[in-house]
Amino acid sequence: MKSRGFTLLELLVAMAIFATAGVAIMQVSSAHVRNLTQIDELMMARYIADNQMQLAMLDKEWPGKDKQQGEVEMANRKWLWQQLRTKVPDEDLRLVQISISLADAPQQVIFELSSYKGKPGA
């Protein structure tokens, strides 16, 4: 009677195929988690920039301070914001730029938002 089964070589090839597939799955899932973290940071930075821009637009002081900065906590993290107001050729307008970074890495700007603010009553 002849016994049937896999040879050692066949088992080694199958294990190599499964190991390669496992490594590929781990790399894809690691990249996915990294991308989710970046998307979450970008979304929170966008919320903070939008809030700061709305506050800048509601500010009645004209032309306002050229540079402001502060810290805010959102989603259990500390964020730094910086607002720059720049003169433009039209004296009744100012360019408002908001930049957002994490307090852990203040040099790395995650999100920037720009808009123009008009002089009240102009």
Protein backbone atom coordinates (compact mmCIF):
# COMPACT_ATOMS: atom_id res chain seq x y z
CA MET A 1 0.00 0.00 0.00
CA LYS A 2 1.35 3.38 -1.04
CA SER A 3 1.02 6.20 1.52
CA ARG A 4 -0.11 9.60 0.33
CA GLY A 5 0.95 12.98 1.74
CA PHE A 6 3.02 16.03 1.12
CA THR A 7 6.73 15.98 0.68
CA LEU A 8 8.96 18.16 2.79
CA LEU A 9 9.69 20.36 -0.22
CA GLU A 10 5.98 20.95 -0.86
CA LEU A 11 5.47 21.92 2.79
CA LEU A 12 8.39 24.35 2.69
CA VAL A 13 7.08 26.02 -0.48
CA ALA A 14 3.60 26.36 1.03
CA MET A 15 5.04 27.85 4.23
CA ALA A 16 7.09 30.35 2.20
CA ILE A 17 3.99 31.42 0.26
CA PHE A 18 1.96 31.89 3.45
CA ALA A 19 4.81 33.77 5.15
CA THR A 20 5.12 36.14 2.19
CA ALA A 21 1.37 36.75 2.22
CA GLY A 22 1.48 37.38 5.97
CA VAL A 23 4.26 39.96 5.63
CA ALA A 24 2.36 41.73 2.84
CA ILE A 25 -0.82 41.86 4.95
CA MET A 26 1.13 43.28 7.91
CA GLN A 27 2.68 46.00 5.75
CA VAL A 28 -0.68 47.00 4.28
CA SER A 29 -2.38 47.16 7.67
CA SER A 30 0.52 49.15 9.14
CA ALA A 31 0.28 51.68 6.30
CA HIS A 32 -3.48 51.87 6.80
CA VAL A 33 -3.12 52.68 10.52
CA ARG A 34 -0.48 55.31 9.70
CA ASN A 35 -2.80 56.90 7.12
CA LEU A 36 -5.71 56.95 9.59
CA THR A 37 -3.54 58.78 12.11
CA GLN A 38 -2.54 61.37 9.50
CA ILE A 39 -6.16 61.87 8.42
CA ASP A 40 -7.23 62.32 12.04
CA GLU A 41 -4.49 64.91 12.65
CA LEU A 42 -5.40 66.76 9.46
CA MET A 43 -9.09 66.83 10.37
CA MET A 44 -8.45 68.17 13.88
CA ALA A 45 -6.02 70.78 12.53
CA ARG A 46 -8.67 71.87 10.00
CA TYR A 47 -11.26 72.30 12.78
CA ILE A 48 -8.86 74.43 14.80
CA ALA A 49 -7.89 76.55 11.77
CA ASP A 50 -11.56 77.10 10.90
CA ASN A 51 -12.31 78.17 14.48
CA GLN A 52 -9.39 80.59 14.57
CA MET A 53 -10.33 82.03 11.18
CA GLN A 54 -13.90 82.66 12.34
CA LEU A 55 -12.59 84.42 15.44
CA ALA A 56 -10.32 86.55 13.23
CA MET A 57 -13.25 87.47 10.98
CA LEU A 58 -15.39 88.43 13.99
CA ASP A 59 -12.65 90.62 15.50
CA LYS A 60 -13.84 94.23 15.38
CA GLU A 61 -10.34 95.68 15.84
CA TRP A 62 -8.88 97.04 12.58
CA PRO A 63 -6.40 96.14 11.27
CA GLY A 64 -5.69 93.95 14.30
CA LYS A 65 -2.41 92.50 15.47
CA ASP A 66 0.03 91.45 12.77
CA LYS A 67 0.88 88.22 14.60
CA GLN A 68 -0.94 86.18 17.22
CA GLN A 69 -0.41 82.69 18.51
CA GLY A 70 -1.86 80.39 21.09
CA GLU A 71 -2.47 76.87 22.25
CA VAL A 72 -5.67 74.88 22.26
CA GLU A 73 -6.54 71.37 23.40
CA MET A 74 -8.66 69.20 21.13
CA ALA A 75 -9.04 65.40 20.93
CA ASN A 76 -6.81 64.99 24.00
CA ARG A 77 -3.87 66.68 22.26
CA LYS A 78 -2.33 70.12 22.50
CA TRP A 79 -2.22 72.13 19.30
CA LEU A 80 -0.45 75.39 18.47
CA TRP A 81 -1.99 77.97 16.17
CA GLN A 82 -0.42 81.03 14.63
CA GLN A 83 -2.22 83.86 12.88
CA LEU A 84 -0.51 86.33 10.57
CA ARG A 85 -2.22 89.41 9.13
CA THR A 86 -0.46 90.84 6.12
CA LYS A 87 -1.00 94.11 4.26
CA VAL A 88 -2.12 93.84 0.67
CA PRO A 89 -2.23 96.59 -2.00
CA ASP A 90 -5.86 97.40 -1.08
CA GLU A 91 -5.77 99.30 2.24
CA ASP A 92 -9.26 97.99 3.12
CA LEU A 93 -8.12 94.35 3.07
CA ARG A 94 -5.77 92.16 5.08
CA LEU A 95 -4.57 88.67 4.26
CA VAL A 96 -5.21 86.41 7.26
CA GLN A 97 -3.14 83.22 7.43
CA ILE A 98 -3.66 80.56 10.08
CA SER A 99 -1.17 77.73 10.56
CA ILE A 100 -1.65 74.75 12.87
CA SER A 101 0.91 72.37 14.36
CA LEU A 102 1.06 69.89 17.21
CA ALA A 103 2.61 71.14 20.44
CA ASP A 104 4.94 68.12 20.33
CA ALA A 105 6.36 69.24 16.96
CA PRO A 106 5.85 73.01 16.61
CA GLN A 107 8.05 73.32 13.50
CA GLN A 108 5.95 70.86 11.49
CA VAL A 109 2.90 72.72 10.16
CA ILE A 110 0.02 70.28 9.63
CA PHE A 111 -2.52 72.63 8.10
CA GLU A 112 -2.65 76.21 6.75
CA LEU A 113 -5.71 78.30 5.99
CA SER A 114 -5.78 81.71 4.27
CA SER A 115 -8.53 84.25 3.68
CA TYR A 116 -9.02 87.98 3.27
CA LYS A 117 -10.64 90.20 5.87
CA GLY A 118 -12.24 93.47 4.88
CA LYS A 119 -12.20 96.67 6.90
CA PRO A 120 -15.48 96.97 8.83
CA GLY A 121 -17.74 99.57 7.24
CA ALA A 122 -15.66 99.88 4.09
